[in-house]
Amino acid sequence: MTGEDDLFIGVGGGEPQALVLKRANRHGLIAGATGTGKTVTLQGLAESFSRAGVPVFAADVKGDLSGVAMAGSPTAKTHEPFSKRAAEIGYTEWHYAAVPVQFWDLFGEQGHPIRTTISEMGPLLLARLMGLNDTQEGVLTIAFHVADDDGLLLLDLDDLQAMLVHCSERADEISARYGNVAKASVGAIQRQLLQLRSQGGEHFFGEPALSIQDLIKTDENGQGVVNLLAADKLMASPRLYATFLLWLLSELFESLPEVGDPDKPKLVFFFDEAHLLFDEAPKALLDKVEQVVRLIRSKGVGVYFVTQNPIDIPEDVAGQLGNRIQHALRAFTPREQKAIKAAAETFRANPDIDVETAITELKVGEALVSVLMADGAPSPVQRTLIKPPRGRVGPVTPDERRVLIDTDLVGDKYDTRIDRESAEELLTAKTIEATAAAAEARAQDEAEKAELARAKEDARAAKEAERQRLAAQREMDRQARLEEQARRKAEREAANSPWNRAVRSATQSASSAAGRAVAGEVSKAIFGKKSGVGASVIGGVVRGILGGLFKGR
């Protein structure tokens, strides 16, 4: 129906409506109420991009998109309306065919696990994921800076939790350098981490982390691989879903080189249920989305938002969407009427179409289409019958999915989780080491105290022994003195007894008589029989000596 440089969308105003490949990286919007054909339009575009050699990433919210991996069947209930539509629009090239598919799943159940690290996610997206306020986001950012300064890898939720505990323990030191780290804020973040775990977030963080290049592949026939994210379970955690897709866009932006305006995109990204990205999003996050959408074009990536209501997309982002496919909207409420008016004003006017009225009259499989032409100008809006897809409309079976997973280009690269040494292990080791050191210090302190106590006890015992020895010595000396006193007293008493006095008197008398006799004899020997002074003196001396001798007996 069209050339090699564009993708056939359908027929409107009697002319083929096609998306120019060179302008496909200018992003787009597919909008419409439930049941108007958005998913079939998305499937047809994904198939066309794949056959043009452009890899695709799309979130499979209901599981229906997985059917692109299998060729449609003439026995399917959709065969008759599809073949009728193909004939109506003159789509002679239509036939059933499959495209190469890789299945992914954050929970690792319906596809290869998708993981990223805490560091790669960054504090801004994590804060969005956990619904943190500005103060808590500031504390989270500080934790990232401390981890970088200390050389600690933040890979999974355990690492982040351990890092927050570490920051809380060092709050005074860290606050002086980075700013206040309130323990209340740390506690609030920890509670949000617990809630994130309960939603299955722990499956998303870890290694091996997804390599963006595994999403940008072609098969042996040159067809782009369609990467489908199983999002039916993920939709139960809408914040995780939106944050993951925003992270993926950010990774694409940061990883891919600048290519300007290539002949065809390097990757096309379909963001289904796009309103989840913007619901209750803070200004900083909206600025991030706008920046990525505006700049990722030059990396060769086209982003297509799929949503029920076009006013779900903020104006700053909607202004970047050059290719638009608008299915029917209902006008039952004032908000829906506002959406219709807003959608009508975004199209390049066509004098043959009352856009605001046509939006409410579109049939299933019919849409208002305006795309960028080769010169970059938007085409006038056309009421277009959308082409039928070639793949199966509806999900693949679990057995078919398993075979496709086992035989795709990714293999088992991501199937086994890796848990290498990171912040949690290092901080735990430091804690154990510090605990052991503290225990050793306490043991040493207790040993020193015990040794000091023993020394004091030994000194006390020695002092007591010395006291007892001195007391004993004093007692011995006292006893000796008492014995000496008793002996002297006994001697005195003995000396003063009548017997001793009689003996002493007799002895004195004897000694006096003997003395006089001896003295007389001595005097005679010396002085002869003469008497006189000399004889008297000699006699006295002799008597004294003899008296002393007798006394000493």
Protein backbone atom coordinates (compact mmCIF):
# COMPACT_ATOMS: atom_id res chain seq x y z
CA MET A 1 0.00 0.00 0.00
CA THR A 2 2.85 2.39 0.77
CA GLY A 3 6.59 2.61 0.20
CA GLU A 4 9.48 1.22 2.23
CA ASP A 5 9.93 4.52 4.03
CA ASP A 6 6.57 4.59 5.76
CA LEU A 7 4.16 2.36 7.67
CA PHE A 8 0.63 1.84 6.45
CA ILE A 9 -1.97 2.72 9.09
CA GLY A 10 -5.23 2.61 7.14
CA VAL A 11 -7.27 4.50 4.61
CA GLY A 12 -8.93 7.85 5.22
CA GLY A 13 -10.41 10.36 2.83
CA GLY A 14 -9.86 7.85 0.04
CA GLU A 15 -6.08 7.98 0.58
CA PRO A 16 -3.65 5.66 2.40
CA GLN A 17 -2.62 7.08 5.77
CA ALA A 18 0.94 6.18 6.62
CA LEU A 19 3.48 6.96 9.33
CA VAL A 20 6.73 8.23 7.80
CA LEU A 21 9.60 6.22 9.33
CA LYS A 22 11.94 9.20 9.33
CA ARG A 23 9.40 11.10 11.46
CA ALA A 24 8.47 8.18 13.70
CA ASN A 25 10.92 9.35 16.39
CA ARG A 26 8.82 12.51 16.82
CA HIS A 27 6.63 10.52 19.20
CA GLY A 28 2.92 9.96 19.13
CA LEU A 29 -0.37 9.38 20.90
CA ILE A 30 -2.96 6.63 20.60
CA ALA A 31 -6.09 7.56 22.53
CA GLY A 32 -9.66 6.41 22.81
CA ALA A 33 -12.28 5.01 25.12
CA THR A 34 -12.31 1.37 26.20
CA GLY A 35 -13.36 -0.99 23.41
CA THR A 36 -12.75 1.40 20.52
CA GLY A 37 -9.78 -0.52 19.05
CA LYS A 38 -6.69 1.04 20.65
CA THR A 39 -5.04 -2.32 21.34
CA VAL A 40 -5.54 -3.55 17.76
CA THR A 41 -4.12 -0.28 16.44
CA LEU A 42 -1.14 -0.65 18.76
CA GLN A 43 -0.63 -4.27 17.63
CA GLY A 44 -0.74 -3.28 13.97
CA LEU A 45 1.82 -0.51 14.48
CA ALA A 46 4.13 -2.82 16.46
CA GLU A 47 3.99 -5.41 13.68
CA SER A 48 4.73 -2.76 11.04
CA PHE A 49 7.70 -1.38 12.95
CA SER A 50 9.07 -4.90 13.41
CA ARG A 51 8.83 -5.70 9.70
CA ALA A 52 10.59 -2.42 8.96
CA GLY A 53 13.52 -3.59 11.10
CA VAL A 54 12.68 -1.37 14.10
CA PRO A 55 12.75 -3.02 17.56
CA VAL A 56 9.73 -2.31 19.78
CA PHE A 57 9.13 -2.21 23.51
CA ALA A 58 5.54 -2.31 24.74
CA ALA A 59 3.75 -2.98 28.00
CA ASP A 60 1.23 -5.79 27.61
CA VAL A 61 -1.34 -4.66 30.17
CA LYS A 62 -4.04 -7.26 29.47
CA GLY A 63 -1.91 -9.97 27.86
CA ASP A 64 -3.55 -9.43 24.45
CA LEU A 65 -0.44 -8.09 22.74
CA SER A 66 1.39 -11.39 23.21
CA GLY A 67 -0.55 -12.65 20.20
CA VAL A 68 1.85 -10.83 17.85
CA ALA A 69 4.24 -13.74 18.45
CA MET A 70 1.84 -16.12 16.67
CA ALA A 71 0.27 -15.81 13.22
CA GLY A 72 -3.45 -15.20 13.12
CA SER A 73 -5.74 -18.02 12.11
CA PRO A 74 -8.53 -18.26 9.52
CA THR A 75 -10.52 -20.15 12.12
CA ALA A 76 -10.43 -17.31 14.64
CA LYS A 77 -13.63 -15.35 15.20
CA THR A 78 -11.84 -12.17 14.12
CA HIS A 79 -10.99 -13.57 10.69
CA GLU A 80 -14.19 -12.49 8.97
CA PRO A 81 -14.21 -8.83 10.13
CA PHE A 82 -10.48 -8.53 9.49
CA SER A 83 -10.64 -9.94 5.97
CA LYS A 84 -13.63 -7.70 5.27
CA ARG A 85 -11.71 -4.66 6.53
CA ALA A 86 -8.65 -5.58 4.42
CA ALA A 87 -10.83 -5.79 1.31
CA GLU A 88 -12.63 -2.55 2.14
CA ILE A 89 -9.42 -0.54 2.36
CA GLY A 90 -7.69 -2.41 -0.48
CA TYR A 91 -5.04 -3.93 1.81
CA THR A 92 -3.93 -6.60 -0.65
CA GLU A 93 -0.72 -7.34 1.27
CA TRP A 94 -2.64 -8.51 4.31
CA HIS A 95 -1.98 -12.08 5.41
CA TYR A 96 -1.36 -13.77 8.73
CA ALA A 97 2.19 -13.73 10.03
CA ALA A 98 4.10 -13.57 13.32
CA VAL A 99 6.94 -11.30 14.41
CA PRO A 100 9.88 -12.15 16.69
CA VAL A 101 9.07 -11.53 20.36
CA GLN A 102 10.95 -11.43 23.65
CA PHE A 103 8.89 -11.69 26.82
CA TRP A 104 9.85 -9.79 29.97
CA ASP A 105 8.38 -9.71 33.46
CA LEU A 106 9.51 -7.74 36.51
CA PHE A 107 8.42 -10.71 38.64
CA GLY A 108 10.14 -13.29 36.42
CA GLU A 109 6.94 -15.33 35.96
CA GLN A 110 5.80 -14.70 32.37
CA GLY A 111 9.12 -13.67 30.89
CA HIS A 112 12.75 -12.97 31.55
CA PRO A 113 13.27 -11.02 34.78
CA ILE A 114 13.98 -7.32 34.39
CA ARG A 115 16.23 -5.91 37.06
CA THR A 116 18.05 -2.71 37.71
CA THR A 117 20.17 -1.56 40.61
CA ILE A 118 19.24 1.00 43.23
CA SER A 119 22.12 3.19 42.03
CA GLU A 120 20.89 3.14 38.44
CA MET A 121 17.36 4.01 39.50
CA GLY A 122 18.61 7.06 41.42
CA PRO A 123 17.01 8.99 44.30
CA LEU A 124 14.53 11.00 42.20
CA LEU A 125 12.74 8.00 40.71
CA LEU A 126 13.00 6.04 43.96
CA ALA A 127 11.38 8.91 45.81
CA ARG A 128 8.59 8.87 43.24
CA LEU A 129 8.29 5.11 43.57
CA MET A 130 7.94 5.32 47.36
CA GLY A 131 5.83 8.49 47.44
CA LEU A 132 8.32 10.42 49.59
CA ASN A 133 7.94 14.08 50.48
CA ASP A 134 10.68 16.65 49.82
CA THR A 135 12.34 16.19 53.21
CA GLN A 136 12.43 12.42 52.91
CA GLU A 137 13.70 12.65 49.34
CA GLY A 138 16.52 14.89 50.63
CA VAL A 139 17.52 12.25 53.20
CA LEU A 140 17.43 9.58 50.49
CA THR A 141 19.68 11.71 48.28
CA ILE A 142 22.13 12.11 51.19
CA ALA A 143 22.23 8.32 51.57
CA PHE A 144 23.24 8.02 47.91
CA HIS A 145 26.02 10.60 48.35
CA VAL A 146 27.37 8.88 51.46
CA ALA A 147 27.38 5.55 49.62
CA ASP A 148 29.34 7.09 46.75
CA ASP A 149 31.86 8.70 49.11
CA ASP A 150 32.34 5.46 51.05
CA GLY A 151 32.59 3.30 47.92
CA LEU A 152 29.49 1.26 48.77
CA LEU A 153 27.45 -0.29 45.95
CA LEU A 154 23.68 0.11 46.19
CA LEU A 155 22.31 -2.81 44.20
CA ASP A 156 19.13 -4.03 45.89
CA LEU A 157 16.65 -3.06 48.59
CA ASP A 158 18.77 -4.75 51.27
CA ASP A 159 21.65 -2.43 50.35
CA LEU A 160 19.46 0.66 50.56
CA GLN A 161 17.97 -0.43 53.86
CA ALA A 162 21.41 -1.09 55.34
CA MET A 163 22.63 2.27 54.02
CA LEU A 164 19.76 4.12 55.68
CA VAL A 165 20.51 2.41 59.01
CA HIS A 166 24.16 3.38 58.57
CA CYS A 167 23.22 7.01 57.94
CA SER A 168 20.92 7.03 60.94
CA GLU A 169 23.71 5.73 63.18
CA ARG A 170 26.06 8.43 61.83
CA ALA A 171 23.39 11.13 61.78
CA ASP A 172 25.36 13.70 63.76
CA GLU A 173 28.48 13.31 61.64
CA ILE A 174 26.62 13.21 58.32
CA SER A 175 24.34 16.13 59.15
CA ALA A 176 27.33 18.40 59.69
CA ARG A 177 28.53 17.64 56.13
CA TYR A 178 25.46 17.06 53.99
CA GLY A 179 22.52 18.46 55.93
CA ASN A 180 20.08 17.24 58.52
CA VAL A 181 19.42 13.50 58.61
CA ALA A 182 16.40 13.17 60.84
CA LYS A 183 15.82 9.71 62.25
CA ALA A 184 12.08 10.25 61.76
CA SER A 185 12.64 10.69 58.00
CA VAL A 186 14.82 7.59 57.88
CA GLY A 187 12.07 5.67 59.64
CA ALA A 188 9.47 6.91 57.14
CA ILE A 189 11.65 5.79 54.21
CA GLN A 190 12.14 2.39 55.83
CA ARG A 191 8.38 1.98 56.11
CA GLN A 192 7.96 2.81 52.43
CA LEU A 193 10.66 0.28 51.57
CA LEU A 194 8.68 -2.33 53.47
CA GLN A 195 5.59 -1.42 51.47
CA LEU A 196 7.59 -1.58 48.24
CA ARG A 197 8.74 -5.08 49.17
CA SER A 198 5.15 -6.13 49.76
CA GLN A 199 4.34 -5.02 46.18
CA GLY A 200 7.13 -7.19 44.77
CA GLY A 201 9.61 -4.36 44.30
CA GLU A 202 12.45 -6.50 45.60
CA HIS A 203 12.25 -8.55 42.38
CA PHE A 204 13.03 -5.43 40.34
CA PHE A 205 16.22 -4.43 42.14
CA GLY A 206 19.35 -6.53 41.82
CA GLU A 207 21.67 -8.13 39.30
CA PRO A 208 22.18 -9.01 36.54
CA ALA A 209 20.79 -5.63 35.53
CA LEU A 210 19.07 -5.23 32.19
CA SER A 211 21.31 -4.23 29.31
CA ILE A 212 19.50 -1.78 27.07
CA GLN A 213 21.14 -3.37 24.04
CA ASP A 214 19.12 -6.54 24.63
CA LEU A 215 16.01 -4.52 23.79
CA ILE A 216 17.45 -3.25 20.52
CA LYS A 217 17.78 -6.41 18.44
CA THR A 218 16.76 -7.76 15.07
CA ASP A 219 16.39 -11.40 14.11
CA GLU A 220 18.14 -13.30 11.30
CA ASN A 221 15.55 -11.98 8.84
CA GLY A 222 16.19 -8.36 9.78
CA GLN A 223 12.89 -7.96 11.62
CA GLY A 224 12.92 -5.89 14.79
CA VAL A 225 12.30 -7.84 17.97
CA VAL A 226 9.09 -6.88 19.79
CA ASN A 227 9.81 -6.77 23.54
CA LEU A 228 6.64 -7.31 25.56
CA LEU A 229 6.50 -6.54 29.27
CA ALA A 230 3.95 -8.67 31.10
CA ALA A 231 2.08 -5.96 33.00
CA ASP A 232 -1.17 -7.62 34.04
CA LYS A 233 0.16 -8.33 37.56
CA LEU A 234 2.33 -5.22 37.54
CA MET A 235 -0.74 -3.03 37.13
CA ALA A 236 -1.66 -3.89 40.72
CA SER A 237 1.35 -1.73 41.66
CA PRO A 238 0.76 1.26 39.35
CA ARG A 239 3.51 3.35 40.91
CA LEU A 240 6.06 0.60 40.30
CA TYR A 241 4.81 0.21 36.73
CA ALA A 242 5.08 3.92 35.92
CA THR A 243 8.43 4.35 37.65
CA PHE A 244 9.90 1.37 35.83
CA LEU A 245 8.87 2.67 32.42
CA LEU A 246 10.21 6.13 33.22
CA TRP A 247 13.46 4.56 34.38
CA LEU A 248 13.65 2.62 31.11
CA LEU A 249 13.20 5.80 29.11
CA SER A 250 15.89 7.51 31.18
CA GLU A 251 18.27 4.59 30.63
CA LEU A 252 17.65 4.70 26.90
CA PHE A 253 18.34 8.43 26.89
CA GLU A 254 21.57 8.09 28.87
CA SER A 255 22.86 4.97 27.09
CA LEU A 256 22.21 5.64 23.42
CA PRO A 257 24.42 7.92 21.30
CA GLU A 258 23.14 10.99 19.50
CA VAL A 259 21.97 10.13 15.97
CA GLY A 260 19.88 13.18 15.04
CA ASP A 261 17.11 12.20 12.62
CA PRO A 262 17.83 8.66 11.35
CA ASP A 263 16.03 7.12 8.41
CA LYS A 264 14.11 5.00 10.89
CA PRO A 265 14.03 4.83 14.68
CA LYS A 266 16.44 2.64 16.61
CA LEU A 267 13.62 1.72 18.99
CA VAL A 268 9.95 2.54 19.42
CA PHE A 269 8.52 2.63 22.93
CA PHE A 270 4.78 2.18 23.58
CA PHE A 271 3.65 3.39 27.01
CA ASP A 272 0.21 1.84 27.65
CA GLU A 273 -2.01 3.22 30.44
CA ALA A 274 0.11 6.36 30.21
CA HIS A 275 -1.98 8.29 32.73
CA LEU A 276 -0.33 6.22 35.49
CA LEU A 277 2.93 8.00 34.77
CA PHE A 278 1.45 11.40 35.51
CA ASP A 279 -1.07 10.75 38.28
CA GLU A 280 0.00 12.64 41.41
CA ALA A 281 3.45 13.15 39.94
CA PRO A 282 5.47 15.97 41.56
CA LYS A 283 6.72 18.87 39.46
CA ALA A 284 10.29 17.57 39.46
CA LEU A 285 9.16 14.27 37.97
CA LEU A 286 7.02 15.92 35.32
CA ASP A 287 10.01 18.04 34.34
CA LYS A 288 12.05 14.83 34.06
CA VAL A 289 9.46 13.21 31.80
CA GLU A 290 9.24 16.28 29.58
CA GLN A 291 13.03 16.46 29.32
CA VAL A 292 13.38 12.81 28.37
CA VAL A 293 10.56 12.94 25.82
CA ARG A 294 11.94 16.10 24.25
CA LEU A 295 15.56 14.97 24.04
CA ILE A 296 15.31 11.23 23.45
CA ARG A 297 14.17 11.93 19.89
CA SER A 298 17.75 12.74 18.96
CA LYS A 299 18.78 9.30 20.25
CA GLY A 300 16.56 7.71 17.60
CA VAL A 301 13.83 6.61 20.04
CA GLY A 302 10.15 7.22 19.41
CA VAL A 303 7.77 7.28 22.40
CA TYR A 304 4.07 6.58 21.89
CA PHE A 305 1.67 7.15 24.77
CA VAL A 306 -1.47 4.98 24.84
CA THR A 307 -4.29 6.21 27.04
CA GLN A 308 -8.06 6.49 27.17
CA ASN A 309 -8.24 10.24 27.51
CA PRO A 310 -5.85 12.63 25.72
CA ILE A 311 -6.03 15.16 28.55
CA ASP A 312 -4.25 12.58 30.75
CA ILE A 313 -1.06 13.78 29.10
CA PRO A 314 0.32 17.09 30.46
CA GLU A 315 0.40 19.88 27.91
CA ASP A 316 4.20 20.22 27.95
CA VAL A 317 4.50 16.54 27.05
CA ALA A 318 1.54 16.47 24.65
CA GLY A 319 3.16 19.28 22.69
CA GLN A 320 6.00 16.89 21.78
CA LEU A 321 3.68 14.27 20.22
CA GLY A 322 3.64 14.75 16.45
CA ASN A 323 1.84 11.58 15.33
CA ARG A 324 -1.73 11.14 16.59
CA ILE A 325 -4.33 8.41 16.30
CA GLN A 326 -7.57 9.28 18.08
CA HIS A 327 -10.25 6.62 18.52
CA ALA A 328 -13.75 7.40 19.71
CA LEU A 329 -14.42 9.27 22.96
CA ARG A 330 -17.65 9.41 24.90
CA ALA A 331 -19.20 12.71 25.96
CA PHE A 332 -21.27 11.79 28.99
CA THR A 333 -19.50 13.94 31.58
CA PRO A 334 -18.10 17.49 31.59
CA ARG A 335 -14.59 16.06 31.79
CA GLU A 336 -15.21 13.90 28.72
CA GLN A 337 -16.62 16.90 26.85
CA LYS A 338 -13.50 18.84 27.78
CA ALA A 339 -11.35 15.96 26.51
CA ILE A 340 -13.16 15.92 23.17
CA LYS A 341 -12.70 19.66 22.73
CA ALA A 342 -9.01 19.40 23.70
CA ALA A 343 -8.42 16.46 21.34
CA ALA A 344 -10.11 18.26 18.46
CA GLU A 345 -7.90 21.31 18.91
CA THR A 346 -4.69 19.26 18.63
CA PHE A 347 -5.33 18.17 15.04
CA ARG A 348 -4.49 20.08 11.91
CA ALA A 349 -7.85 21.24 10.62
CA ASN A 350 -9.56 19.57 7.67
CA PRO A 351 -12.42 21.56 6.18
CA ASP A 352 -14.22 18.34 5.31
CA ILE A 353 -14.33 17.07 8.91
CA ASP A 354 -15.96 18.44 12.04
CA VAL A 355 -13.42 16.88 14.36
CA GLU A 356 -15.24 17.56 17.61
CA THR A 357 -18.34 15.81 16.31
CA ALA A 358 -16.50 13.03 14.51
CA ILE A 359 -14.67 11.94 17.68
CA THR A 360 -17.97 10.88 19.24
CA GLU A 361 -19.17 9.14 16.07
CA LEU A 362 -16.18 6.95 15.29
CA LYS A 363 -16.86 3.22 14.99
CA VAL A 364 -14.72 0.44 16.45
CA GLY A 365 -11.55 0.19 14.40
CA GLU A 366 -11.94 3.72 13.07
CA ALA A 367 -9.86 6.70 14.16
CA LEU A 368 -8.90 10.27 13.41
CA VAL A 369 -5.33 10.22 12.12
CA SER A 370 -2.83 13.03 11.72
CA VAL A 371 0.85 12.25 11.27
CA LEU A 372 3.97 14.16 10.40
CA MET A 373 4.64 14.21 6.69
CA ALA A 374 8.06 13.91 5.07
CA ASP A 375 8.62 17.66 5.36
CA GLY A 376 7.82 17.56 9.10
CA ALA A 377 4.43 19.27 8.83
CA PRO A 378 1.38 17.52 10.32
CA SER A 379 -1.03 16.06 7.81
CA PRO A 380 -4.64 17.26 7.82
CA VAL A 381 -6.73 15.06 10.08
CA GLN A 382 -8.50 12.20 8.31
CA ARG A 383 -11.21 9.87 9.48
CA THR A 384 -9.44 6.58 8.90
CA LEU A 385 -10.33 2.89 8.80
CA ILE A 386 -7.46 1.14 10.63
CA LYS A 387 -5.83 -1.86 8.96
CA PRO A 388 -6.26 -5.32 10.53
CA PRO A 389 -3.25 -6.92 12.27
CA ARG A 390 -1.51 -10.02 10.95
CA GLY A 391 -0.81 -11.70 14.25
CA ARG A 392 -3.20 -13.40 16.61
CA VAL A 393 -5.60 -11.08 18.41
CA GLY A 394 -5.51 -12.44 21.92
CA PRO A 395 -2.93 -13.94 24.29
CA VAL A 396 -0.61 -16.84 23.65
CA THR A 397 -1.06 -19.96 25.78
CA PRO A 398 1.30 -20.61 28.73
CA ASP A 399 2.95 -23.47 26.80
CA GLU A 400 3.47 -21.29 23.74
CA ARG A 401 4.90 -18.55 25.93
CA ARG A 402 7.36 -20.95 27.56
CA VAL A 403 8.61 -22.24 24.21
CA LEU A 404 9.05 -18.68 22.93
CA ILE A 405 10.95 -17.68 26.09
CA ASP A 406 13.27 -20.69 25.87
CA THR A 407 14.11 -20.07 22.20
CA ASP A 408 14.45 -16.27 21.99
CA LEU A 409 17.64 -14.26 21.50
CA VAL A 410 18.15 -13.49 25.19
CA GLY A 411 18.55 -17.07 26.38
CA ASP A 412 19.09 -17.56 30.12
CA LYS A 413 21.21 -14.43 30.61
CA TYR A 414 18.89 -12.92 33.22
CA ASP A 415 17.21 -16.00 34.64
CA THR A 416 19.59 -16.56 37.58
CA ARG A 417 19.90 -13.81 40.16
CA ILE A 418 23.40 -12.71 41.25
CA ASP A 419 24.10 -11.43 44.74
CA ARG A 420 27.60 -10.00 44.84
CA GLU A 421 29.26 -8.11 47.66
CA SER A 422 27.69 -4.69 48.04
CA ALA A 423 26.67 -2.17 50.70
CA GLU A 424 24.61 -4.57 52.79
CA GLU A 425 27.36 -7.18 52.99
CA LEU A 426 30.11 -4.63 53.62
CA LEU A 427 28.14 -2.76 56.28
CA THR A 428 27.16 -6.04 57.92
CA ALA A 429 30.81 -7.09 57.93
CA LYS A 430 31.77 -3.74 59.45
CA THR A 431 29.05 -4.12 62.04
CA ILE A 432 30.23 -7.63 62.90
CA GLU A 433 33.82 -6.41 63.02
CA ALA A 434 32.85 -3.45 65.19
CA THR A 435 30.78 -5.71 67.44
CA ALA A 436 33.66 -8.15 67.74
CA ALA A 437 36.09 -5.31 68.44
CA ALA A 438 33.71 -3.88 71.04
CA ALA A 439 33.30 -7.32 72.60
CA GLU A 440 37.07 -7.77 72.60
CA ALA A 441 37.51 -4.31 74.13
CA ARG A 442 34.88 -5.14 76.73
CA ALA A 443 36.55 -8.47 77.45
CA GLN A 444 39.94 -6.76 77.72
CA ASP A 445 38.45 -4.07 79.92
CA GLU A 446 36.80 -6.69 82.07
CA ALA A 447 40.09 -8.64 82.23
CA GLU A 448 41.92 -5.48 83.25
CA LYS A 449 39.27 -4.75 85.83
CA ALA A 450 39.52 -8.34 87.10
CA GLU A 451 43.31 -8.08 87.21
CA LEU A 452 43.06 -4.77 89.04
CA ALA A 453 40.56 -6.31 91.45
CA ARG A 454 42.90 -9.25 91.98
CA ALA A 455 45.80 -6.89 92.57
CA LYS A 456 43.74 -4.91 95.01
CA GLU A 457 42.69 -8.11 96.75
CA ASP A 458 46.29 -9.33 96.85
CA ALA A 459 47.42 -5.98 98.24
CA ARG A 460 44.63 -6.07 100.78
CA ALA A 461 45.55 -9.64 101.74
CA ALA A 462 49.24 -8.71 101.98
CA LYS A 463 48.35 -5.69 104.04
CA GLU A 464 46.17 -7.84 106.26
CA ALA A 465 48.94 -10.43 106.60
CA GLU A 466 51.43 -7.72 107.49
CA ARG A 467 48.96 -6.28 109.95
CA GLN A 468 48.50 -9.69 111.51
CA ARG A 469 52.28 -10.24 111.57
CA LEU A 470 52.84 -6.91 113.25
CA ALA A 471 50.05 -7.64 115.68
CA ALA A 472 51.60 -11.02 116.42
CA GLN A 473 55.00 -9.40 116.81
CA ARG A 474 53.54 -6.80 119.13
CA GLU A 475 51.83 -9.55 121.08
CA MET A 476 55.12 -11.49 121.29
CA ASP A 477 56.95 -8.37 122.39
CA ARG A 478 54.24 -7.69 124.93
CA GLN A 479 54.46 -11.26 126.21
CA ALA A 480 58.23 -10.97 126.35
CA ARG A 481 57.93 -7.75 128.32
CA LEU A 482 55.39 -9.35 130.60
CA GLU A 483 57.62 -12.36 131.08
CA GLU A 484 60.61 -10.09 131.77
CA GLN A 485 58.55 -8.08 134.19
CA ALA A 486 57.34 -11.28 135.83
CA ARG A 487 60.91 -12.57 136.04
CA ARG A 488 62.14 -9.35 137.56
CA LYS A 489 59.21 -9.29 139.90
CA ALA A 490 59.94 -12.88 140.88
CA GLU A 491 63.56 -12.01 141.42
CA ARG A 492 62.60 -9.04 143.52
CA GLU A 493 60.15 -11.08 145.47
CA ALA A 494 62.70 -13.86 145.86
CA ALA A 495 65.33 -11.38 146.90
CA ASN A 496 63.03 -9.88 149.50
CA SER A 497 61.98 -13.19 151.02
CA PRO A 498 62.98 -13.84 154.74
CA TRP A 499 65.21 -16.69 153.76
CA ASN A 500 67.12 -14.69 151.18
CA ARG A 501 67.47 -11.80 153.57
CA ALA A 502 68.86 -14.19 156.27
CA VAL A 503 71.26 -15.75 153.76
CA ARG A 504 72.31 -12.34 152.54
CA SER A 505 72.80 -11.11 156.05
CA ALA A 506 74.85 -14.14 156.90
CA THR A 507 76.83 -13.79 153.78
CA GLN A 508 77.44 -10.16 154.47
CA SER A 509 78.48 -10.96 157.99
CA ALA A 510 80.72 -13.73 156.81
CA SER A 511 82.17 -11.63 154.13
CA SER A 512 82.74 -8.84 156.57
CA ALA A 513 84.53 -11.13 159.06
CA ALA A 514 86.50 -12.84 156.37
CA GLY A 515 87.27 -9.52 154.88
CA ARG A 516 88.53 -8.13 158.09
CA ALA A 517 90.66 -11.19 158.64
CA VAL A 518 92.11 -11.13 155.19
CA ALA A 519 92.54 -7.44 155.28
CA GLY A 520 94.36 -7.73 158.54
CA GLU A 521 96.62 -10.34 157.15
CA VAL A 522 97.33 -8.28 154.10
CA SER A 523 98.04 -5.24 156.16
CA LYS A 524 100.36 -7.17 158.28
CA ALA A 525 102.12 -8.49 155.23
CA ILE A 526 102.52 -5.03 153.85
CA PHE A 527 102.98 -2.92 156.87
CA GLY A 528 103.91 -5.52 159.40
CA LYS A 529 102.33 -5.38 162.78
CA LYS A 530 102.20 -1.69 162.72
CA SER A 531 98.95 0.00 162.71
CA GLY A 532 98.06 3.28 161.20
CA VAL A 533 96.30 4.97 158.37
CA GLY A 534 97.79 2.86 155.63
CA ALA A 535 96.90 -0.33 157.34
CA SER A 536 93.31 0.83 157.79
CA VAL A 537 92.95 1.79 154.12
CA ILE A 538 94.35 -1.48 152.85
CA GLY A 539 92.09 -3.35 155.15
CA GLY A 540 89.01 -1.48 153.87
CA VAL A 541 89.86 -2.20 150.24
CA VAL A 542 90.34 -5.87 150.88
CA ARG A 543 87.08 -6.08 152.70
CA GLY A 544 85.27 -4.36 149.85
CA ILE A 545 86.64 -6.77 147.31
CA LEU A 546 85.78 -9.79 149.32
CA GLY A 547 82.34 -8.40 150.02
CA GLY A 548 81.69 -7.94 146.31
CA LEU A 549 82.77 -11.46 145.59
CA PHE A 550 80.41 -12.87 148.16
CA LYS A 551 77.58 -10.73 146.91
CA GLY A 552 78.08 -12.01 143.45
CA ARG A 553 77.63 -15.59 144.47
